[in-house]
Amino acid sequence: MTALLTGVVKKWRGDKGCGFLTPDSSPENWTSELHQIWVHRSGLVDVTDLVPGDEVSFRTEDDGDRAGKVKAVEVTVTTSGSAGSEQAAQAAGVLCNGIVKRWIEAKGFGFLMTDGGGEDVWVHRSGLVDVSDLNTGDKVSFHKVDDGKGRGQSKAINVVVVEAGSPGNLFADLPPASEDAEGANALTGMDLFLELAGEMGPSRRTCIEDFVLVSSLNCEFLVVAEGPQQLVNGLRAPTSDEFERLLGLVEAFVAGCEASEAVLIVDFEGEMPGYGGELSTAQLQLTSTVDATTLVPRSLPSWQRFSAPGLLLDLRSQRCVAVLRRIMQSSAITKLAWGADGDCQSLLYQVLPHPLGIEPKALVDAQLGFDSRFRVGMARMLEHVPAHLVVGLPTKEQIDWDAFHSQNRRALPMPLDHISALYAVDDLHRMEAILGSKLPPSGSYIAAREITEQNLVALSLDPLGLQALQEELVWFEKKEGIKRTVKAVQVARHIFALRARGAGDLGAQAPEEVLQLLDRAEAMACEELTRAGVVVASDLSFNEEEDPSA
């Protein structure tokens, strides 16, 4: 061990408990690489952390873990942070309060959401105080500091759990339903569809059988596509007369749903839903899991689960879009969705390949019923669904959306193959499994409906999607590699969509800051797309080439 030395704290990593000291003078036998001396928290005296600029006294000894290296020990702060308050404040970070949005125990990190809003803050297990793990919903205090990687991103250190969360409240089970033997004889599938349409009879059943898709849970979905286009490979396209009959039945079914004030689960498939995206299909299914009046969820007896009829609509057909518009704009039919932001943007503002112009009413984004601040993903919710509810439902195939969208290509080519069609309709079963087994913390989806309505009003007041565009640019600047290219494609499509709607040629009517935002967005996207060699056509068509994952 050396004689007592003095020096200054060059760098300190509070999350890792280590840093470097610069000695005031160096013995002659030290090499230049030793002019910064490593120090660990275990070598500090009377303090647990250092601040860059602190003047210290210390001794050195061989670092047994690093051959030929020394480390500082008996480190005592003699004068606090002469580097100035700015550097000290930067090291200490900004004190924040927030909530644990997600924690991945297996990897030892997660994300916090600050009470004041803004971007999520990354947190590692090494930044926790007095605990080794966090739980979703924990209320925490922490210091937000730069992550030191030169990307302008933040991380949390000195994370203290102020109040334990109640993740169980997010995943509370509904009481089980009583099994009613008499109900087991009720109509299901296309028989129930025809009854609601007022068209019961063997002949009607025969006329639709060629256009029925059976889901992974043996649920029947009527595929409605306008010939000569197929929507699902293996199901033939209807003739003109057949399509008219199908459409008549569907319209009668919708009228029956309105008369009975039915509840439908709805979902959409497409490419990059949003202002510049494209919805290709709409999936809808009757459900009894939520009361239409009170929005209180209820468990279903076994005979009633996954048995109601559904529709799979081809949104390439304007006639099918008209059916969807009637359903989505009907105040008499309650629609339940999960994570509906991007879908609603497309419903309202999609113009290519053809306009939708759908203003949803009586829509409930059920995801908001569990926590409106951070979105609990469907996969996370399914982890807490009783196993018997998803028996027979395959694990959701993971499509590498980024691989396709970074090249402005379709991830789900049309017509859909059988697996892709099941991918679409099976999500409705996943939603029903959640809705029919989990209890929102408030006991109903009324709050979720109110927030959904507020979100729709906000979308209607922002026809250019400026808020969404600003968020896209924030994420674009943070992303690297393929994810950055995906964001560039989305931004470019957003700009082209505005032009297609006649909103891009704003001229002197637009505020200067709006024009500057659009110009900046287009320039940033073009630069990245040029670098990546990706073309986004102004008509929003997709580059149809070979499978990028092949």
Protein backbone atom coordinates (compact mmCIF):
# COMPACT_ATOMS: atom_id res chain seq x y z
CA MET A 1 0.00 0.00 0.00
CA THR A 2 1.33 3.44 -0.95
CA ALA A 3 1.75 6.55 1.12
CA LEU A 4 -1.19 8.92 1.40
CA LEU A 5 -1.98 10.62 -1.94
CA THR A 6 -4.34 13.40 -2.98
CA GLY A 7 -6.36 13.88 -6.10
CA VAL A 8 -9.68 14.75 -7.73
CA VAL A 9 -12.64 12.57 -8.68
CA LYS A 10 -12.60 12.38 -12.48
CA LYS A 11 -15.71 10.24 -12.96
CA TRP A 12 -18.21 8.45 -10.77
CA ARG A 13 -20.87 5.89 -11.78
CA GLY A 14 -23.36 5.84 -8.94
CA ASP A 15 -25.35 3.01 -10.51
CA LYS A 16 -22.26 0.78 -10.62
CA GLY A 17 -20.61 2.10 -7.48
CA CYS A 18 -17.25 2.83 -9.08
CA GLY A 19 -15.28 5.55 -10.86
CA PHE A 20 -11.85 7.06 -11.45
CA LEU A 21 -9.56 9.45 -9.57
CA THR A 22 -6.90 11.70 -11.04
CA PRO A 23 -3.92 12.02 -8.63
CA ASP A 24 -2.35 15.45 -8.07
CA SER A 25 1.09 13.95 -8.69
CA SER A 26 2.32 10.56 -9.86
CA PRO A 27 5.32 8.59 -8.62
CA GLU A 28 8.07 8.30 -11.21
CA ASN A 29 7.55 4.56 -11.65
CA TRP A 30 3.88 4.98 -12.68
CA THR A 31 3.03 4.67 -16.34
CA SER A 32 0.65 7.11 -18.00
CA GLU A 33 -2.14 4.55 -17.95
CA LEU A 34 -2.12 4.73 -14.16
CA HIS A 35 -2.76 8.46 -14.09
CA GLN A 36 -6.42 7.61 -13.59
CA ILE A 37 -7.00 5.27 -10.68
CA TRP A 38 -10.02 3.03 -10.40
CA VAL A 39 -12.04 3.27 -7.19
CA HIS A 40 -14.91 1.16 -5.90
CA ARG A 41 -17.54 2.12 -3.36
CA SER A 42 -16.06 -0.43 -0.95
CA GLY A 43 -12.92 1.72 -0.77
CA LEU A 44 -14.71 4.87 0.44
CA VAL A 45 -14.54 6.20 4.00
CA ASP A 46 -17.64 7.76 5.64
CA VAL A 47 -19.45 8.22 2.30
CA THR A 48 -21.21 5.89 -0.12
CA ASP A 49 -20.81 7.96 -3.29
CA LEU A 50 -18.47 10.46 -4.88
CA VAL A 51 -19.13 13.45 -7.12
CA PRO A 52 -16.88 14.48 -10.03
CA GLY A 53 -14.74 17.34 -8.75
CA ASP A 54 -14.50 16.10 -5.17
CA GLU A 55 -10.98 16.54 -3.77
CA VAL A 56 -9.91 13.36 -2.01
CA SER A 57 -7.07 11.73 -0.14
CA PHE A 58 -6.41 8.03 -0.68
CA ARG A 59 -3.92 5.21 -0.81
CA THR A 60 -3.47 2.62 -3.53
CA GLU A 61 -2.98 -1.12 -3.50
CA ASP A 62 -2.77 -3.87 -6.07
CA ASP A 63 -6.10 -4.74 -7.64
CA GLY A 64 -6.25 -8.49 -7.26
CA ASP A 65 -8.96 -8.76 -9.91
CA ARG A 66 -6.91 -6.95 -12.56
CA ALA A 67 -3.32 -8.06 -12.94
CA GLY A 68 -0.82 -5.21 -12.92
CA LYS A 69 -3.44 -2.63 -11.95
CA VAL A 70 -3.97 -0.65 -8.77
CA LYS A 71 -7.08 0.61 -7.08
CA ALA A 72 -7.76 3.40 -4.60
CA VAL A 73 -8.58 2.55 -0.99
CA GLU A 74 -9.15 4.56 2.20
CA VAL A 75 -10.69 7.29 0.01
CA THR A 76 -11.68 10.33 2.07
CA VAL A 77 -13.40 13.43 0.68
CA THR A 78 -11.42 16.48 1.80
CA THR A 79 -13.26 19.15 -0.22
CA SER A 80 -16.64 18.69 -1.91
CA GLY A 81 -17.10 19.02 -5.66
CA SER A 82 -14.85 21.82 -6.89
CA ALA A 83 -15.99 20.87 -10.39
CA GLY A 84 -18.94 23.10 -9.75
CA SER A 85 -22.58 22.68 -8.99
CA GLU A 86 -23.49 22.03 -12.62
CA GLN A 87 -21.27 18.97 -12.87
CA ALA A 88 -22.38 17.76 -9.47
CA ALA A 89 -26.01 18.19 -10.40
CA GLN A 90 -25.42 16.36 -13.64
CA ALA A 91 -23.86 13.46 -11.77
CA ALA A 92 -26.62 13.36 -9.18
CA GLY A 93 -29.33 13.58 -11.81
CA VAL A 94 -32.85 14.95 -11.59
CA LEU A 95 -34.97 13.68 -8.72
CA CYS A 96 -38.18 12.18 -10.08
CA ASN A 97 -41.19 10.24 -8.88
CA GLY A 98 -42.89 7.66 -10.98
CA ILE A 99 -44.27 4.19 -11.38
CA VAL A 100 -42.81 0.93 -12.64
CA LYS A 101 -44.24 0.41 -16.10
CA ARG A 102 -42.54 -2.90 -16.78
CA TRP A 103 -39.99 -5.11 -15.07
CA ILE A 104 -38.28 -8.07 -16.77
CA GLU A 105 -37.04 -10.14 -13.86
CA ALA A 106 -35.06 -12.61 -15.98
CA LYS A 107 -32.99 -9.78 -17.47
CA GLY A 108 -32.82 -7.54 -14.43
CA PHE A 109 -34.07 -4.36 -16.05
CA GLY A 110 -37.27 -2.54 -16.85
CA PHE A 111 -38.85 0.83 -17.50
CA LEU A 112 -40.20 3.59 -15.28
CA MET A 113 -42.79 6.21 -16.15
CA THR A 114 -42.38 9.60 -14.48
CA ASP A 115 -45.34 11.32 -12.87
CA GLY A 116 -44.81 14.33 -15.10
CA GLY A 117 -45.07 12.27 -18.28
CA GLY A 118 -42.45 12.14 -21.01
CA GLU A 119 -40.39 9.25 -22.24
CA ASP A 120 -39.95 6.04 -20.30
CA VAL A 121 -36.77 5.78 -18.22
CA TRP A 122 -34.67 2.62 -18.38
CA VAL A 123 -33.63 1.08 -15.06
CA HIS A 124 -31.22 -1.74 -14.27
CA ARG A 125 -31.11 -3.87 -11.16
CA SER A 126 -27.79 -2.25 -10.22
CA GLY A 127 -29.61 1.08 -9.77
CA LEU A 128 -31.99 -0.23 -7.11
CA VAL A 129 -31.70 0.63 -3.41
CA ASP A 130 -32.47 -2.01 -0.76
CA VAL A 131 -34.29 -4.27 -3.23
CA SER A 132 -33.15 -6.58 -5.99
CA ASP A 133 -36.29 -6.50 -8.13
CA LEU A 134 -39.24 -4.27 -8.94
CA ASN A 135 -42.89 -5.05 -9.59
CA THR A 136 -45.16 -3.50 -12.17
CA GLY A 137 -47.14 -0.77 -10.43
CA ASP A 138 -44.53 0.01 -7.74
CA LYS A 139 -44.37 3.72 -6.94
CA VAL A 140 -40.73 4.83 -6.89
CA SER A 141 -38.45 7.81 -6.46
CA PHE A 142 -35.25 7.93 -8.47
CA HIS A 143 -32.60 10.12 -10.04
CA LYS A 144 -32.75 10.42 -13.82
CA VAL A 145 -29.29 10.70 -15.36
CA ASP A 146 -27.79 10.44 -18.82
CA ASP A 147 -27.03 6.82 -19.66
CA GLY A 148 -23.51 7.78 -20.75
CA LYS A 149 -23.79 6.15 -24.17
CA GLY A 150 -23.84 9.40 -26.13
CA ARG A 151 -27.37 8.95 -27.46
CA GLY A 152 -29.13 11.48 -25.26
CA GLN A 153 -31.11 8.79 -23.44
CA SER A 154 -31.72 8.57 -19.72
CA LYS A 155 -31.55 5.90 -17.07
CA ALA A 156 -32.65 5.71 -13.46
CA ILE A 157 -30.33 5.34 -10.47
CA ASN A 158 -30.90 5.44 -6.71
CA VAL A 159 -34.31 3.86 -7.26
CA VAL A 160 -36.27 3.61 -4.01
CA VAL A 161 -39.65 1.86 -3.76
CA VAL A 162 -41.94 4.39 -2.04
CA GLU A 163 -45.08 2.27 -2.17
CA ALA A 164 -45.37 -1.31 -3.28
CA GLY A 165 -47.51 -1.70 -6.34
CA SER A 166 -50.44 -4.01 -6.54
CA PRO A 167 -49.86 -5.95 -9.72
CA GLY A 168 -52.50 -8.37 -8.55
CA ASN A 169 -55.07 -5.58 -8.97
CA LEU A 170 -54.21 -5.49 -12.66
CA PHE A 171 -54.67 -9.22 -12.98
CA ALA A 172 -57.53 -9.94 -10.59
CA ASP A 173 -59.75 -12.82 -11.67
CA LEU A 174 -63.47 -12.61 -12.29
CA PRO A 175 -65.55 -15.00 -10.19
CA PRO A 176 -66.27 -18.19 -12.13
CA ALA A 177 -69.56 -18.52 -13.99
CA SER A 178 -72.17 -21.06 -12.99
CA GLU A 179 -72.68 -23.80 -15.53
CA ASP A 180 -76.22 -23.70 -16.93
CA ALA A 181 -77.01 -27.04 -18.52
CA GLU A 182 -80.01 -25.63 -20.35
CA GLY A 183 -77.89 -23.01 -22.06
CA ALA A 184 -75.72 -25.68 -23.64
CA ASN A 185 -78.41 -26.09 -26.32
CA ALA A 186 -78.20 -22.44 -27.41
CA LEU A 187 -77.32 -21.56 -30.99
CA THR A 188 -73.67 -20.93 -31.82
CA GLY A 189 -71.53 -20.03 -34.81
CA MET A 190 -73.20 -19.40 -38.14
CA ASP A 191 -76.53 -20.68 -36.81
CA LEU A 192 -76.58 -17.76 -34.36
CA PHE A 193 -75.44 -15.44 -37.16
CA LEU A 194 -78.37 -16.49 -39.34
CA GLU A 195 -80.83 -16.15 -36.47
CA LEU A 196 -79.73 -12.57 -35.79
CA ALA A 197 -80.01 -11.91 -39.52
CA GLY A 198 -83.54 -13.33 -39.50
CA GLU A 199 -82.56 -15.87 -42.13
CA MET A 200 -82.73 -19.26 -40.42
CA GLY A 201 -83.00 -22.28 -42.67
CA PRO A 202 -80.87 -25.04 -44.25
CA SER A 203 -80.74 -23.24 -47.59
CA ARG A 204 -79.21 -20.15 -46.03
CA ARG A 205 -76.63 -22.24 -44.21
CA THR A 206 -75.73 -23.92 -47.48
CA CYS A 207 -75.21 -20.64 -49.30
CA ILE A 208 -72.54 -19.44 -46.86
CA GLU A 209 -70.64 -22.67 -46.16
CA ASP A 210 -68.05 -22.08 -48.89
CA PHE A 211 -67.08 -18.78 -47.23
CA VAL A 212 -66.64 -19.86 -43.61
CA LEU A 213 -63.22 -19.85 -41.94
CA VAL A 214 -62.86 -22.02 -38.83
CA SER A 215 -60.52 -20.58 -36.19
CA SER A 216 -58.04 -22.48 -34.05
CA LEU A 217 -60.80 -22.90 -31.43
CA ASN A 218 -63.33 -24.15 -34.00
CA CYS A 219 -65.16 -20.83 -34.11
CA GLU A 220 -66.89 -19.91 -37.37
CA PHE A 221 -66.08 -16.65 -39.16
CA LEU A 222 -67.87 -15.56 -42.32
CA VAL A 223 -65.29 -14.28 -44.80
CA VAL A 224 -66.72 -11.39 -46.79
CA ALA A 225 -64.73 -10.47 -49.90
CA GLU A 226 -65.84 -8.99 -53.20
CA GLY A 227 -64.92 -11.20 -56.16
CA PRO A 228 -62.91 -11.80 -58.16
CA GLN A 229 -60.46 -11.18 -55.28
CA GLN A 230 -59.89 -13.85 -52.68
CA LEU A 231 -59.28 -12.78 -49.11
CA VAL A 232 -58.13 -16.18 -47.80
CA ASN A 233 -56.35 -18.77 -49.89
CA GLY A 234 -58.39 -21.95 -49.93
CA LEU A 235 -61.71 -20.11 -49.78
CA ARG A 236 -62.96 -19.28 -53.24
CA ALA A 237 -63.98 -15.77 -54.18
CA PRO A 238 -67.76 -15.33 -54.41
CA THR A 239 -69.52 -14.64 -57.68
CA SER A 240 -71.30 -11.31 -58.02
CA ASP A 241 -74.63 -12.84 -57.05
CA GLU A 242 -73.10 -14.69 -54.12
CA PHE A 243 -71.43 -11.52 -52.89
CA GLU A 244 -74.74 -9.66 -52.98
CA ARG A 245 -76.38 -12.45 -50.95
CA LEU A 246 -73.51 -12.45 -48.45
CA LEU A 247 -73.68 -8.69 -48.12
CA GLY A 248 -77.43 -8.81 -47.59
CA LEU A 249 -77.02 -11.36 -44.80
CA VAL A 250 -74.27 -9.32 -43.15
CA GLU A 251 -76.35 -6.14 -43.27
CA ALA A 252 -79.29 -8.01 -41.72
CA PHE A 253 -76.94 -9.39 -39.05
CA VAL A 254 -75.74 -5.87 -38.25
CA ALA A 255 -79.34 -4.71 -37.96
CA GLY A 256 -79.97 -7.58 -35.54
CA CYS A 257 -76.94 -6.53 -33.50
CA GLU A 258 -78.25 -2.96 -33.33
CA ALA A 259 -81.71 -4.12 -32.27
CA SER A 260 -80.28 -6.28 -29.49
CA GLU A 261 -77.62 -3.70 -28.50
CA ALA A 262 -74.94 -6.30 -28.99
CA VAL A 263 -71.29 -6.16 -27.96
CA LEU A 264 -68.61 -6.98 -30.54
CA ILE A 265 -64.90 -7.57 -30.13
CA VAL A 266 -63.08 -5.82 -32.98
CA ASP A 267 -59.55 -5.97 -34.33
CA PHE A 268 -57.73 -5.09 -37.53
CA GLU A 269 -54.78 -6.34 -39.51
CA GLY A 270 -52.71 -4.29 -41.91
CA GLU A 271 -49.42 -2.57 -42.43
CA MET A 272 -48.16 0.16 -40.08
CA PRO A 273 -51.58 1.33 -38.80
CA GLY A 274 -51.62 5.08 -38.38
CA TYR A 275 -51.74 8.18 -40.54
CA GLY A 276 -49.73 6.62 -43.35
CA GLY A 277 -50.64 2.99 -42.76
CA GLU A 278 -53.13 0.67 -44.38
CA LEU A 279 -55.78 -1.53 -42.79
CA SER A 280 -56.35 -4.68 -44.85
CA THR A 281 -58.91 -6.62 -42.83
CA ALA A 282 -61.40 -6.13 -40.03
CA GLN A 283 -62.26 -8.95 -37.62
CA LEU A 284 -65.42 -8.75 -35.52
CA GLN A 285 -67.07 -11.24 -33.19
CA LEU A 286 -70.07 -11.25 -30.91
CA THR A 287 -69.29 -11.56 -27.21
CA SER A 288 -71.22 -11.77 -23.96
CA THR A 289 -68.19 -11.11 -21.75
CA VAL A 290 -69.14 -7.46 -21.10
CA ASP A 291 -72.57 -6.03 -20.29
CA ALA A 292 -73.52 -3.45 -22.92
CA THR A 293 -75.12 -1.08 -20.40
CA THR A 294 -72.88 -1.24 -17.34
CA LEU A 295 -69.66 -2.34 -19.12
CA VAL A 296 -69.10 -4.76 -16.25
CA PRO A 297 -67.25 -7.91 -17.35
CA ARG A 298 -68.55 -11.37 -16.60
CA SER A 299 -67.27 -14.90 -16.81
CA LEU A 300 -68.91 -17.19 -19.32
CA PRO A 301 -69.96 -20.80 -18.84
CA SER A 302 -67.97 -23.26 -20.88
CA TRP A 303 -70.66 -23.74 -23.52
CA GLN A 304 -70.71 -20.00 -24.27
CA ARG A 305 -66.97 -19.39 -24.54
CA PHE A 306 -65.47 -19.02 -28.02
CA SER A 307 -68.73 -20.03 -29.67
CA ALA A 308 -70.19 -16.82 -31.11
CA PRO A 309 -70.09 -16.04 -34.85
CA GLY A 310 -67.61 -13.64 -36.35
CA LEU A 311 -66.87 -11.70 -39.52
CA LEU A 312 -63.65 -11.28 -41.48
CA LEU A 313 -64.08 -8.29 -43.82
CA ASP A 314 -61.89 -7.49 -46.82
CA LEU A 315 -61.17 -3.76 -46.61
CA ARG A 316 -59.99 -3.65 -50.22
CA SER A 317 -63.70 -3.63 -51.08
CA GLN A 318 -65.58 -0.36 -50.67
CA ARG A 319 -68.77 -2.34 -50.08
CA CYS A 320 -67.12 -4.11 -47.14
CA VAL A 321 -65.80 -0.78 -45.88
CA ALA A 322 -69.39 0.51 -45.91
CA VAL A 323 -70.44 -2.41 -43.70
CA LEU A 324 -67.57 -1.70 -41.32
CA ARG A 325 -68.48 1.98 -41.26
CA ARG A 326 -72.04 1.17 -40.24
CA ILE A 327 -70.82 -1.08 -37.43
CA MET A 328 -68.12 1.26 -36.13
CA GLN A 329 -70.34 4.36 -36.28
CA SER A 330 -73.36 2.69 -34.68
CA SER A 331 -74.04 3.93 -31.16
CA ALA A 332 -76.24 0.88 -30.58
CA ILE A 333 -73.36 -1.60 -30.89
CA THR A 334 -70.60 -1.54 -28.27
CA LYS A 335 -67.18 -2.32 -29.74
CA LEU A 336 -64.34 -3.65 -27.59
CA ALA A 337 -60.77 -3.27 -28.85
CA TRP A 338 -57.28 -3.68 -27.38
CA GLY A 339 -54.67 -0.99 -28.07
CA ALA A 340 -56.70 0.94 -30.63
CA ASP A 341 -54.69 4.14 -31.20
CA GLY A 342 -53.11 3.30 -34.55
CA ASP A 343 -56.25 1.57 -35.81
CA CYS A 344 -58.35 4.64 -35.02
CA GLN A 345 -55.90 6.90 -36.86
CA SER A 346 -56.26 4.71 -39.94
CA LEU A 347 -60.05 4.50 -39.63
CA LEU A 348 -60.31 8.27 -39.53
CA TYR A 349 -57.65 9.34 -42.00
CA GLN A 350 -56.61 6.51 -44.34
CA VAL A 351 -56.94 7.67 -47.95
CA LEU A 352 -54.86 5.18 -49.95
CA PRO A 353 -55.36 2.72 -51.51
CA HIS A 354 -58.89 3.98 -50.79
CA PRO A 355 -60.38 6.24 -48.11
CA LEU A 356 -62.04 4.85 -45.00
CA GLY A 357 -63.42 7.97 -43.30
CA ILE A 358 -64.83 6.05 -40.33
CA GLU A 359 -65.57 7.93 -37.09
CA PRO A 360 -65.86 5.28 -34.35
CA LYS A 361 -68.64 5.56 -31.80
CA ALA A 362 -69.36 3.41 -28.73
CA LEU A 363 -65.78 2.15 -28.91
CA VAL A 364 -64.02 0.94 -25.76
CA ASP A 365 -60.27 0.36 -25.74
CA ALA A 366 -60.32 -2.31 -23.02
CA GLN A 367 -56.56 -2.01 -22.53
CA LEU A 368 -57.20 1.38 -20.90
CA GLY A 369 -59.41 -0.27 -18.30
CA PHE A 370 -56.42 -1.86 -16.60
CA ASP A 371 -54.12 1.18 -16.56
CA SER A 372 -54.52 4.29 -18.67
CA ARG A 373 -50.97 5.48 -18.03
CA PHE A 374 -49.00 2.48 -19.14
CA ARG A 375 -50.43 -0.03 -21.56
CA VAL A 376 -50.46 -3.61 -20.35
CA GLY A 377 -49.72 -5.68 -23.44
CA MET A 378 -51.96 -8.52 -24.54
CA ALA A 379 -49.15 -11.04 -24.08
CA ARG A 380 -48.62 -9.86 -20.49
CA MET A 381 -52.33 -10.17 -19.72
CA LEU A 382 -52.48 -13.65 -21.22
CA GLU A 383 -49.80 -14.79 -18.77
CA HIS A 384 -52.42 -14.32 -16.04
CA VAL A 385 -55.38 -15.87 -17.85
CA PRO A 386 -56.46 -19.28 -16.48
CA ALA A 387 -54.78 -21.91 -18.61
CA HIS A 388 -58.00 -23.76 -19.47
CA LEU A 389 -59.28 -20.71 -21.35
CA VAL A 390 -56.57 -20.89 -23.96
CA VAL A 391 -56.30 -24.64 -24.42
CA GLY A 392 -56.08 -25.25 -28.15
CA LEU A 393 -55.13 -21.67 -28.91
CA PRO A 394 -51.66 -21.68 -30.47
CA THR A 395 -48.88 -19.42 -29.28
CA LYS A 396 -49.11 -16.30 -31.36
CA GLU A 397 -46.68 -16.47 -34.26
CA GLN A 398 -44.13 -13.72 -34.11
CA ILE A 399 -44.03 -11.97 -37.46
CA ASP A 400 -40.84 -9.98 -37.96
CA TRP A 401 -42.70 -6.80 -38.83
CA ASP A 402 -39.52 -4.70 -38.81
CA ALA A 403 -37.84 -6.88 -41.45
CA PHE A 404 -40.68 -6.17 -43.87
CA HIS A 405 -41.58 -2.61 -42.92
CA SER A 406 -37.97 -1.40 -43.02
CA GLN A 407 -38.14 -2.20 -46.75
CA ASN A 408 -41.65 -0.75 -47.14
CA ARG A 409 -42.99 -4.24 -47.82
CA ARG A 410 -46.09 -6.04 -46.67
CA ALA A 411 -45.72 -8.39 -43.72
CA LEU A 412 -49.13 -9.92 -44.46
CA PRO A 413 -49.46 -10.23 -48.25
CA MET A 414 -52.93 -10.40 -49.74
CA PRO A 415 -54.69 -12.76 -50.16
CA LEU A 416 -53.96 -14.17 -46.73
CA ASP A 417 -52.63 -17.68 -46.45
CA HIS A 418 -54.42 -19.92 -43.97
CA ILE A 419 -51.92 -19.30 -41.15
CA SER A 420 -52.17 -15.52 -41.57
CA ALA A 421 -55.96 -15.71 -41.56
CA LEU A 422 -55.87 -17.64 -38.28
CA TYR A 423 -53.36 -15.09 -36.96
CA ALA A 424 -56.04 -12.45 -37.55
CA VAL A 425 -59.11 -14.13 -36.05
CA ASP A 426 -57.34 -15.89 -33.17
CA ASP A 427 -56.53 -12.51 -31.63
CA LEU A 428 -60.26 -12.10 -30.96
CA HIS A 429 -60.15 -15.29 -28.89
CA ARG A 430 -57.18 -13.93 -26.96
CA MET A 431 -59.11 -10.76 -26.23
CA GLU A 432 -62.19 -12.70 -25.14
CA ALA A 433 -60.04 -14.85 -22.84
CA ILE A 434 -58.86 -11.66 -21.12
CA LEU A 435 -62.26 -9.95 -21.05
CA GLY A 436 -63.95 -13.08 -19.71
CA SER A 437 -61.49 -13.79 -16.91
CA LYS A 438 -59.87 -10.56 -15.67
CA LEU A 439 -61.45 -7.80 -13.61
CA PRO A 440 -60.37 -4.19 -14.30
CA PRO A 441 -59.28 -2.37 -11.12
CA SER A 442 -62.36 -0.11 -11.28
CA GLY A 443 -64.70 -3.07 -11.76
CA SER A 444 -65.92 -2.00 -15.20
CA TYR A 445 -64.81 -0.53 -18.52
CA ILE A 446 -66.68 2.76 -18.07
CA ALA A 447 -63.48 4.74 -17.44
CA ALA A 448 -61.88 3.04 -20.44
CA ARG A 449 -64.79 4.16 -22.62
CA GLU A 450 -64.45 7.75 -21.42
CA ILE A 451 -60.70 7.81 -22.11
CA THR A 452 -61.25 6.24 -25.52
CA GLU A 453 -63.76 8.98 -26.34
CA GLN A 454 -61.28 11.64 -25.23
CA ASN A 455 -58.59 10.10 -27.42
CA LEU A 456 -60.94 10.09 -30.40
CA VAL A 457 -61.76 13.76 -29.85
CA ALA A 458 -58.03 14.54 -29.73
CA LEU A 459 -57.55 12.68 -33.02
CA SER A 460 -60.41 14.58 -34.64
CA LEU A 461 -58.81 17.88 -33.59
CA ASP A 462 -55.47 16.89 -35.12
CA PRO A 463 -56.29 15.92 -38.73
CA LEU A 464 -52.67 16.35 -39.80
CA GLY A 465 -51.48 14.02 -37.09
CA LEU A 466 -48.93 16.55 -35.87
CA GLN A 467 -48.84 15.08 -32.37
CA ALA A 468 -48.23 11.61 -33.78
CA LEU A 469 -45.61 12.98 -36.18
CA GLN A 470 -43.72 14.67 -33.37
CA GLU A 471 -43.74 11.42 -31.40
CA GLU A 472 -42.51 9.53 -34.46
CA LEU A 473 -39.61 11.97 -34.82
CA VAL A 474 -38.67 11.61 -31.16
CA TRP A 475 -38.51 7.85 -31.55
CA PHE A 476 -36.74 8.16 -34.90
CA GLU A 477 -33.90 10.13 -33.33
CA LYS A 478 -33.49 7.50 -30.61
CA LYS A 479 -33.53 4.46 -32.85
CA GLU A 480 -30.62 2.81 -34.58
CA GLY A 481 -30.27 0.30 -37.39
CA ILE A 482 -33.37 -1.36 -38.78
CA LYS A 483 -35.71 0.26 -36.25
CA ARG A 484 -34.55 3.71 -37.35
CA THR A 485 -35.30 2.78 -40.96
CA VAL A 486 -38.77 1.56 -39.99
CA LYS A 487 -39.48 4.93 -38.37
CA ALA A 488 -38.22 6.70 -41.49
CA VAL A 489 -40.64 4.67 -43.62
CA GLN A 490 -43.50 5.54 -41.27
CA VAL A 491 -42.63 9.25 -41.29
CA ALA A 492 -42.39 9.32 -45.09
CA ARG A 493 -45.72 7.54 -45.44
CA HIS A 494 -47.27 10.01 -43.01
CA ILE A 495 -46.10 12.96 -45.14
CA PHE A 496 -47.28 11.34 -48.39
CA ALA A 497 -50.66 10.56 -46.80
CA LEU A 498 -51.11 14.24 -45.97
CA ARG A 499 -50.38 15.16 -49.56
CA ALA A 500 -52.80 12.54 -50.83
CA ARG A 501 -55.50 14.14 -48.68
CA GLY A 502 -54.64 17.57 -50.03
CA ALA A 503 -53.32 18.59 -46.64
CA GLY A 504 -49.67 18.64 -47.60
CA ASP A 505 -49.90 21.76 -49.77
CA LEU A 506 -50.62 24.04 -46.86
CA GLY A 507 -48.95 27.15 -48.16
CA ALA A 508 -49.42 30.35 -46.23
CA GLN A 509 -52.47 29.00 -44.39
CA ALA A 510 -50.36 26.88 -42.07
CA PRO A 511 -48.47 28.27 -39.08
CA GLU A 512 -44.75 28.52 -39.64
CA GLU A 513 -44.00 25.95 -36.95
CA VAL A 514 -46.20 23.39 -38.73
CA LEU A 515 -44.40 23.91 -42.02
CA GLN A 516 -41.06 23.64 -40.25
CA LEU A 517 -42.13 20.37 -38.59
CA LEU A 518 -43.23 18.87 -41.91
CA ASP A 519 -40.05 20.00 -43.67
CA ARG A 520 -37.85 18.65 -40.89
CA ALA A 521 -39.71 15.34 -40.81
CA GLU A 522 -39.43 14.87 -44.56
CA ALA A 523 -35.74 15.76 -44.63
CA MET A 524 -34.87 13.38 -41.81
CA ALA A 525 -36.86 10.53 -43.34
CA CYS A 526 -35.40 11.07 -46.82
CA GLU A 527 -31.84 11.07 -45.50
CA GLU A 528 -32.33 7.74 -43.72
CA LEU A 529 -34.21 6.14 -46.63
CA THR A 530 -31.48 7.21 -49.05
CA ARG A 531 -28.85 5.72 -46.76
CA ALA A 532 -30.81 2.46 -46.50
CA GLY A 533 -31.66 2.34 -50.21
CA VAL A 534 -35.40 2.14 -49.52
CA VAL A 535 -38.06 3.70 -51.74
CA VAL A 536 -41.43 4.88 -50.43
CA ALA A 537 -43.77 5.69 -53.30
CA SER A 538 -45.97 8.77 -53.09
CA ASP A 539 -49.05 6.60 -53.77
CA LEU A 540 -48.23 4.65 -50.58
CA SER A 541 -47.90 1.38 -52.47
CA PHE A 542 -45.65 -1.30 -51.02
CA ASN A 543 -42.47 -2.71 -52.50
CA GLU A 544 -43.42 -6.28 -53.31
CA GLU A 545 -40.22 -8.29 -53.39
CA GLU A 546 -38.84 -11.46 -51.88
CA ASP A 547 -39.34 -12.30 -48.22
CA PRO A 548 -36.58 -10.36 -46.35
CA SER A 549 -36.41 -13.07 -43.70
CA ALA A 550 -35.79 -15.84 -46.25
